Each structure stands twice: as structure tokens, then as C-alpha cells.
Amino acid sequence: MTPKSAEKAPAKKAATVKTTEGKKKTKKMAKVETYKTYIYKVLKQVHPDTSISSKAMGILNSFINDMFDNIASEAARLARYNKKSTLTSREIQTAVRLVLPGELAKHAVSEGAKCGGIRFTSA
């Protein structure tokens, strides 16, 4: 039986591209930004003894990306309706209230207010 490290594929290297002069030039791979480290940190804060599979982590990462897009587009729409060219914390807070359902929106707004945004008013 072989050790697990021998079974792994070699790490991906930067792609080499030939230029017009015939010289080889290394092309850097595009950096992919994810929320995986943040999801893992929050999971360990809430449930220290629980682990998460890579498939579940990918699902949560795409969920967060979708929510970010929904909130950002709603906030942009609100700014456009009010003829503003700048997204402020007010538009973000209103977009969160519109996108997220009920109690979840209240919790999100109160957590955002802790971070130094605009004052939270429970109306």
C-alpha cells in the first residue's frame, strides 16, 4: 500500500506562454476569492467540534455570493430610484430588509449596526 502523499497529483504550476520573440513567459493564474476561511472560522466559533465537507463549503460559498449579488443589486436599484450615485450604508440596510425575510433581516440589521453603520431603529 502506498502512502497518501504519493497518490496526490502534483501541484498546478503557472502556465508558460511563448512570446513573439520566442522567449518563455510565465502567466499567473487568476486568483479566486472565496468566503471559505470566514465560513470555517464562524463554524468553529459556533460549533467547535463540528467539521464541514468541501462540497458543503462550496454550496455555502455560492450561497453567500448569491446573497451578496442580490443585496448589491437591490441597493443599486434603491440608489438609482433616489437619483444618487453613491451606495451608502442606508441603501445597504434597506436592501437587506427587502431581500432577507422577517426575523433574519432584523438580526442582520442589528449586527450591521454593531459594525458602525447607521443607527438601528426598530420600526
N, C-alpha and C. Protein backbone atom coordinates (compact mmCIF):
# COMPACT_ATOMS: atom_id res chain seq x y z
N MET A 1 0.84 -1.18 0.00
CA MET A 1 0.00 0.00 0.00
C MET A 1 0.89 1.24 0.00
N THR A 2 0.59 2.20 -0.86
CA THR A 2 1.42 3.41 -0.96
C THR A 2 0.90 4.49 -0.04
N PRO A 3 1.77 5.38 0.41
CA PRO A 3 1.31 6.48 1.26
C PRO A 3 0.41 7.44 0.48
N LYS A 4 -0.45 8.16 1.21
CA LYS A 4 -1.42 9.05 0.57
C LYS A 4 -0.75 10.18 -0.18
N SER A 5 0.40 10.67 0.29
CA SER A 5 1.06 11.78 -0.39
C SER A 5 1.54 11.38 -1.79
N ALA A 6 1.85 10.10 -2.00
CA ALA A 6 2.30 9.65 -3.31
C ALA A 6 1.14 9.58 -4.30
N GLU A 7 -0.10 9.43 -3.81
CA GLU A 7 -1.26 9.31 -4.68
C GLU A 7 -1.74 10.66 -5.20
N LYS A 8 -1.37 11.75 -4.53
CA LYS A 8 -1.86 13.07 -4.92
C LYS A 8 -1.21 13.51 -6.22
N ALA A 9 -1.98 14.28 -7.00
CA ALA A 9 -1.45 14.85 -8.23
C ALA A 9 -0.52 16.00 -7.89
N PRO A 10 0.46 16.29 -8.74
CA PRO A 10 1.36 17.40 -8.46
C PRO A 10 0.61 18.73 -8.48
N ALA A 11 1.14 19.68 -7.73
CA ALA A 11 0.50 21.00 -7.64
C ALA A 11 0.55 21.69 -9.00
N LYS A 12 -0.48 22.51 -9.29
CA LYS A 12 -0.53 23.22 -10.55
C LYS A 12 0.50 24.34 -10.56
N LYS A 13 1.21 24.46 -11.67
CA LYS A 13 2.21 25.50 -11.81
C LYS A 13 1.67 26.59 -12.72
N ALA A 14 2.36 27.72 -12.74
CA ALA A 14 1.97 28.82 -13.62
C ALA A 14 2.14 28.38 -15.07
N ALA A 15 1.21 28.74 -15.92
CA ALA A 15 1.25 28.35 -17.32
C ALA A 15 2.36 29.12 -18.04
N THR A 16 3.08 28.44 -18.94
CA THR A 16 4.11 29.11 -19.71
C THR A 16 3.57 29.45 -21.09
N VAL A 17 3.86 30.65 -21.53
CA VAL A 17 3.37 31.14 -22.81
C VAL A 17 4.57 31.63 -23.61
N LYS A 18 4.64 31.25 -24.89
CA LYS A 18 5.72 31.73 -25.74
C LYS A 18 5.34 33.10 -26.30
N THR A 19 6.26 34.04 -26.21
CA THR A 19 6.03 35.38 -26.76
C THR A 19 6.46 35.39 -28.22
N THR A 20 6.25 36.52 -28.89
CA THR A 20 6.60 36.63 -30.30
C THR A 20 8.10 36.55 -30.53
N GLU A 21 8.91 36.93 -29.52
CA GLU A 21 10.36 36.87 -29.66
C GLU A 21 10.88 35.45 -29.43
N GLY A 22 10.05 34.54 -29.00
CA GLY A 22 10.45 33.17 -28.75
C GLY A 22 10.82 32.91 -27.31
N LYS A 23 10.74 33.92 -26.46
CA LYS A 23 11.06 33.75 -25.05
C LYS A 23 9.85 33.17 -24.33
N LYS A 24 10.16 32.40 -23.29
CA LYS A 24 9.06 31.85 -22.48
C LYS A 24 8.72 32.83 -21.38
N LYS A 25 7.45 33.01 -21.16
CA LYS A 25 6.97 33.94 -20.14
C LYS A 25 5.94 33.20 -19.29
N THR A 26 6.04 33.31 -17.98
CA THR A 26 5.06 32.65 -17.12
C THR A 26 3.85 33.54 -16.95
N LYS A 27 2.71 32.91 -17.04
CA LYS A 27 1.43 33.62 -16.91
C LYS A 27 0.84 33.24 -15.57
N LYS A 28 0.52 34.23 -14.74
CA LYS A 28 -0.03 33.94 -13.42
C LYS A 28 -1.47 33.50 -13.53
N MET A 29 -1.82 32.54 -12.68
CA MET A 29 -3.19 32.06 -12.63
C MET A 29 -4.07 33.10 -11.94
N ALA A 30 -5.31 33.22 -12.37
CA ALA A 30 -6.24 34.18 -11.77
C ALA A 30 -6.56 33.77 -10.34
N LYS A 31 -6.57 34.74 -9.43
CA LYS A 31 -6.88 34.47 -8.03
C LYS A 31 -8.38 34.37 -7.86
N VAL A 32 -8.84 33.31 -7.22
CA VAL A 32 -10.26 33.13 -6.98
C VAL A 32 -10.54 33.50 -5.52
N GLU A 33 -11.39 34.48 -5.32
CA GLU A 33 -11.72 34.91 -3.96
C GLU A 33 -12.92 34.12 -3.47
N THR A 34 -12.79 33.56 -2.26
CA THR A 34 -13.87 32.79 -1.68
C THR A 34 -14.09 33.22 -0.23
N TYR A 35 -15.19 32.76 0.33
CA TYR A 35 -15.53 33.03 1.73
C TYR A 35 -15.23 31.81 2.61
N LYS A 36 -14.50 30.85 2.08
CA LYS A 36 -14.31 29.57 2.78
C LYS A 36 -13.63 29.73 4.14
N THR A 37 -12.62 30.57 4.22
CA THR A 37 -11.93 30.73 5.51
C THR A 37 -12.85 31.38 6.54
N TYR A 38 -13.67 32.32 6.09
CA TYR A 38 -14.58 33.01 7.01
C TYR A 38 -15.70 32.08 7.48
N ILE A 39 -16.21 31.26 6.57
CA ILE A 39 -17.24 30.28 6.93
C ILE A 39 -16.68 29.31 7.97
N TYR A 40 -15.45 28.87 7.74
CA TYR A 40 -14.82 27.92 8.66
C TYR A 40 -14.62 28.55 10.04
N LYS A 41 -14.16 29.81 10.08
CA LYS A 41 -13.94 30.50 11.36
C LYS A 41 -15.24 30.66 12.14
N VAL A 42 -16.32 31.04 11.45
CA VAL A 42 -17.62 31.20 12.11
C VAL A 42 -18.13 29.85 12.60
N LEU A 43 -17.97 28.80 11.80
CA LEU A 43 -18.40 27.47 12.21
C LEU A 43 -17.69 27.04 13.49
N LYS A 44 -16.39 27.31 13.56
CA LYS A 44 -15.62 26.92 14.76
C LYS A 44 -15.98 27.77 15.97
N GLN A 45 -16.45 29.00 15.77
CA GLN A 45 -16.92 29.83 16.88
C GLN A 45 -18.23 29.29 17.44
N VAL A 46 -19.12 28.86 16.53
CA VAL A 46 -20.44 28.41 16.93
C VAL A 46 -20.42 26.96 17.40
N HIS A 47 -19.80 26.08 16.63
CA HIS A 47 -19.71 24.65 16.95
C HIS A 47 -18.27 24.18 16.80
N PRO A 48 -17.47 24.29 17.84
CA PRO A 48 -16.04 23.96 17.73
C PRO A 48 -15.73 22.51 17.35
N ASP A 49 -16.61 21.58 17.68
CA ASP A 49 -16.34 20.17 17.40
C ASP A 49 -16.92 19.69 16.07
N THR A 50 -17.54 20.58 15.31
CA THR A 50 -18.18 20.20 14.04
C THR A 50 -17.26 20.51 12.87
N SER A 51 -17.24 19.60 11.90
CA SER A 51 -16.46 19.84 10.68
C SER A 51 -17.42 20.01 9.50
N ILE A 52 -16.87 20.37 8.34
CA ILE A 52 -17.70 20.60 7.17
C ILE A 52 -17.01 20.00 5.95
N SER A 53 -17.80 19.38 5.07
CA SER A 53 -17.23 18.77 3.87
C SER A 53 -16.94 19.85 2.83
N SER A 54 -16.08 19.53 1.89
CA SER A 54 -15.73 20.51 0.86
C SER A 54 -16.92 20.82 -0.04
N LYS A 55 -17.80 19.84 -0.24
CA LYS A 55 -18.99 20.06 -1.06
C LYS A 55 -19.95 21.03 -0.36
N ALA A 56 -20.14 20.85 0.94
CA ALA A 56 -20.99 21.75 1.72
C ALA A 56 -20.39 23.15 1.77
N MET A 57 -19.05 23.22 1.87
CA MET A 57 -18.37 24.51 1.87
C MET A 57 -18.56 25.23 0.55
N GLY A 58 -18.51 24.49 -0.54
CA GLY A 58 -18.75 25.08 -1.86
C GLY A 58 -20.17 25.60 -2.01
N ILE A 59 -21.13 24.86 -1.46
CA ILE A 59 -22.54 25.28 -1.51
C ILE A 59 -22.73 26.55 -0.71
N LEU A 60 -22.16 26.61 0.50
CA LEU A 60 -22.27 27.82 1.33
C LEU A 60 -21.58 29.00 0.67
N ASN A 61 -20.44 28.77 0.03
CA ASN A 61 -19.72 29.84 -0.65
C ASN A 61 -20.56 30.42 -1.79
N SER A 62 -21.17 29.57 -2.59
CA SER A 62 -22.01 30.07 -3.69
C SER A 62 -23.27 30.75 -3.16
N PHE A 63 -23.80 30.27 -2.02
CA PHE A 63 -24.95 30.91 -1.40
C PHE A 63 -24.60 32.33 -0.97
N ILE A 64 -23.44 32.51 -0.35
CA ILE A 64 -23.02 33.84 0.09
C ILE A 64 -22.79 34.75 -1.11
N ASN A 65 -22.19 34.22 -2.17
CA ASN A 65 -22.00 35.03 -3.39
C ASN A 65 -23.33 35.47 -3.97
N ASP A 66 -24.32 34.57 -3.99
CA ASP A 66 -25.66 34.92 -4.49
C ASP A 66 -26.32 35.99 -3.64
N MET A 67 -26.20 35.84 -2.31
CA MET A 67 -26.80 36.84 -1.42
C MET A 67 -26.12 38.20 -1.59
N PHE A 68 -24.81 38.18 -1.76
CA PHE A 68 -24.08 39.43 -1.99
C PHE A 68 -24.59 40.11 -3.26
N ASP A 69 -24.75 39.34 -4.33
CA ASP A 69 -25.24 39.89 -5.59
C ASP A 69 -26.65 40.45 -5.44
N ASN A 70 -27.52 39.70 -4.74
CA ASN A 70 -28.90 40.16 -4.56
C ASN A 70 -28.96 41.46 -3.77
N ILE A 71 -28.21 41.54 -2.68
CA ILE A 71 -28.23 42.74 -1.84
C ILE A 71 -27.60 43.92 -2.58
N ALA A 72 -26.50 43.68 -3.29
CA ALA A 72 -25.84 44.75 -4.03
C ALA A 72 -26.72 45.28 -5.15
N SER A 73 -27.38 44.40 -5.87
CA SER A 73 -28.24 44.87 -6.97
C SER A 73 -29.47 45.61 -6.44
N GLU A 74 -30.01 45.14 -5.31
CA GLU A 74 -31.16 45.84 -4.71
C GLU A 74 -30.74 47.22 -4.19
N ALA A 75 -29.56 47.30 -3.59
CA ALA A 75 -29.05 48.59 -3.10
C ALA A 75 -28.79 49.54 -4.26
N ALA A 76 -28.26 49.03 -5.36
CA ALA A 76 -28.03 49.86 -6.55
C ALA A 76 -29.34 50.37 -7.12
N ARG A 77 -30.34 49.50 -7.12
CA ARG A 77 -31.67 49.90 -7.60
C ARG A 77 -32.25 51.01 -6.73
N LEU A 78 -32.11 50.89 -5.42
CA LEU A 78 -32.59 51.92 -4.50
C LEU A 78 -31.87 53.25 -4.72
N ALA A 79 -30.57 53.19 -4.94
CA ALA A 79 -29.81 54.41 -5.19
C ALA A 79 -30.26 55.07 -6.50
N ARG A 80 -30.53 54.25 -7.50
CA ARG A 80 -30.99 54.78 -8.78
C ARG A 80 -32.37 55.42 -8.65
N TYR A 81 -33.27 54.79 -7.87
CA TYR A 81 -34.60 55.35 -7.66
C TYR A 81 -34.53 56.72 -7.01
N ASN A 82 -33.57 56.89 -6.09
CA ASN A 82 -33.43 58.16 -5.37
C ASN A 82 -32.46 59.12 -6.04
N LYS A 83 -32.05 58.80 -7.28
CA LYS A 83 -31.16 59.63 -8.08
C LYS A 83 -29.85 59.93 -7.35
N LYS A 84 -29.28 58.90 -6.71
CA LYS A 84 -28.00 59.02 -6.01
C LYS A 84 -26.96 58.20 -6.78
N SER A 85 -25.73 58.67 -6.78
CA SER A 85 -24.68 57.93 -7.47
C SER A 85 -23.79 57.16 -6.51
N THR A 86 -24.05 57.29 -5.20
CA THR A 86 -23.23 56.62 -4.20
C THR A 86 -24.06 55.65 -3.37
N LEU A 87 -23.51 54.45 -3.18
CA LEU A 87 -24.16 53.48 -2.28
C LEU A 87 -23.70 53.79 -0.86
N THR A 88 -24.63 54.07 0.01
CA THR A 88 -24.30 54.32 1.41
C THR A 88 -24.81 53.17 2.26
N SER A 89 -24.51 53.24 3.56
CA SER A 89 -24.97 52.19 4.47
C SER A 89 -26.49 52.18 4.56
N ARG A 90 -27.10 53.31 4.29
CA ARG A 90 -28.57 53.38 4.32
C ARG A 90 -29.18 52.51 3.22
N GLU A 91 -28.64 52.60 2.01
CA GLU A 91 -29.14 51.76 0.91
C GLU A 91 -28.89 50.28 1.18
N ILE A 92 -27.73 49.96 1.74
CA ILE A 92 -27.42 48.57 2.06
C ILE A 92 -28.39 48.04 3.10
N GLN A 93 -28.63 48.85 4.14
CA GLN A 93 -29.55 48.41 5.20
C GLN A 93 -30.96 48.20 4.66
N THR A 94 -31.42 49.09 3.82
CA THR A 94 -32.76 48.94 3.24
C THR A 94 -32.82 47.73 2.32
N ALA A 95 -31.74 47.51 1.56
CA ALA A 95 -31.69 46.34 0.67
C ALA A 95 -31.72 45.05 1.48
N VAL A 96 -31.03 45.02 2.61
CA VAL A 96 -31.05 43.83 3.47
C VAL A 96 -32.45 43.58 3.99
N ARG A 97 -33.14 44.65 4.39
CA ARG A 97 -34.52 44.50 4.87
C ARG A 97 -35.44 43.98 3.78
N LEU A 98 -35.19 44.37 2.53
CA LEU A 98 -36.04 43.93 1.43
C LEU A 98 -35.73 42.50 0.98
N VAL A 99 -34.45 42.14 0.98
CA VAL A 99 -34.04 40.84 0.44
C VAL A 99 -34.23 39.71 1.45
N LEU A 100 -33.84 39.94 2.70
CA LEU A 100 -33.91 38.88 3.70
C LEU A 100 -35.30 38.83 4.34
N PRO A 101 -35.78 37.64 4.67
CA PRO A 101 -37.11 37.53 5.26
C PRO A 101 -37.12 37.83 6.77
N GLY A 102 -38.16 38.52 7.21
CA GLY A 102 -38.53 38.76 8.60
C GLY A 102 -37.46 38.86 9.66
N GLU A 103 -37.41 37.86 10.52
CA GLU A 103 -36.51 37.86 11.68
C GLU A 103 -35.05 37.88 11.27
N LEU A 104 -34.74 37.24 10.17
CA LEU A 104 -33.36 37.21 9.68
C LEU A 104 -32.88 38.61 9.30
N ALA A 105 -33.77 39.39 8.70
CA ALA A 105 -33.44 40.77 8.33
C ALA A 105 -33.18 41.61 9.58
N LYS A 106 -34.00 41.41 10.62
CA LYS A 106 -33.81 42.17 11.87
C LYS A 106 -32.46 41.87 12.50
N HIS A 107 -32.10 40.58 12.53
CA HIS A 107 -30.81 40.19 13.10
C HIS A 107 -29.66 40.75 12.27
N ALA A 108 -29.78 40.69 10.95
CA ALA A 108 -28.72 41.18 10.07
C ALA A 108 -28.52 42.68 10.24
N VAL A 109 -29.62 43.43 10.35
CA VAL A 109 -29.54 44.88 10.51
C VAL A 109 -28.92 45.23 11.86
N SER A 110 -29.30 44.52 12.92
CA SER A 110 -28.74 44.82 14.24
C SER A 110 -27.25 44.45 14.29
N GLU A 111 -26.83 43.36 13.63
CA GLU A 111 -25.41 43.01 13.57
C GLU A 111 -24.63 44.03 12.75
N GLY A 112 -25.24 44.53 11.68
CA GLY A 112 -24.59 45.55 10.87
C GLY A 112 -24.44 46.86 11.63
N ALA A 113 -25.41 47.17 12.48
CA ALA A 113 -25.34 48.39 13.27
C ALA A 113 -24.21 48.32 14.29
N LYS A 114 -23.88 47.11 14.75
CA LYS A 114 -22.77 46.94 15.67
C LYS A 114 -21.43 47.28 15.00
N CYS A 115 -21.38 47.10 13.70
CA CYS A 115 -20.13 47.31 12.96
C CYS A 115 -19.87 48.78 12.65
N GLY A 116 -20.74 49.68 13.06
CA GLY A 116 -20.50 51.09 12.87
C GLY A 116 -21.25 51.71 11.72
N GLY A 117 -22.28 51.08 11.26
CA GLY A 117 -23.10 51.66 10.19
C GLY A 117 -24.03 52.71 10.79
N ILE A 118 -25.16 52.93 10.16
CA ILE A 118 -26.12 53.88 10.70
C ILE A 118 -26.86 53.28 11.88
N ARG A 119 -27.49 54.11 12.64
CA ARG A 119 -28.17 53.63 13.86
C ARG A 119 -29.34 52.74 13.51
N PHE A 120 -29.49 51.70 14.28
CA PHE A 120 -30.58 50.72 14.09
C PHE A 120 -31.82 51.22 14.81
N THR A 121 -32.90 51.36 14.04
CA THR A 121 -34.18 51.73 14.65
C THR A 121 -35.18 50.64 14.36
N SER A 122 -35.79 50.10 15.40
CA SER A 122 -36.77 49.04 15.20
C SER A 122 -38.14 49.68 15.03
N ALA A 123 -38.52 49.85 13.77
CA ALA A 123 -39.81 50.48 13.47
C ALA A 123 -40.82 49.45 13.04
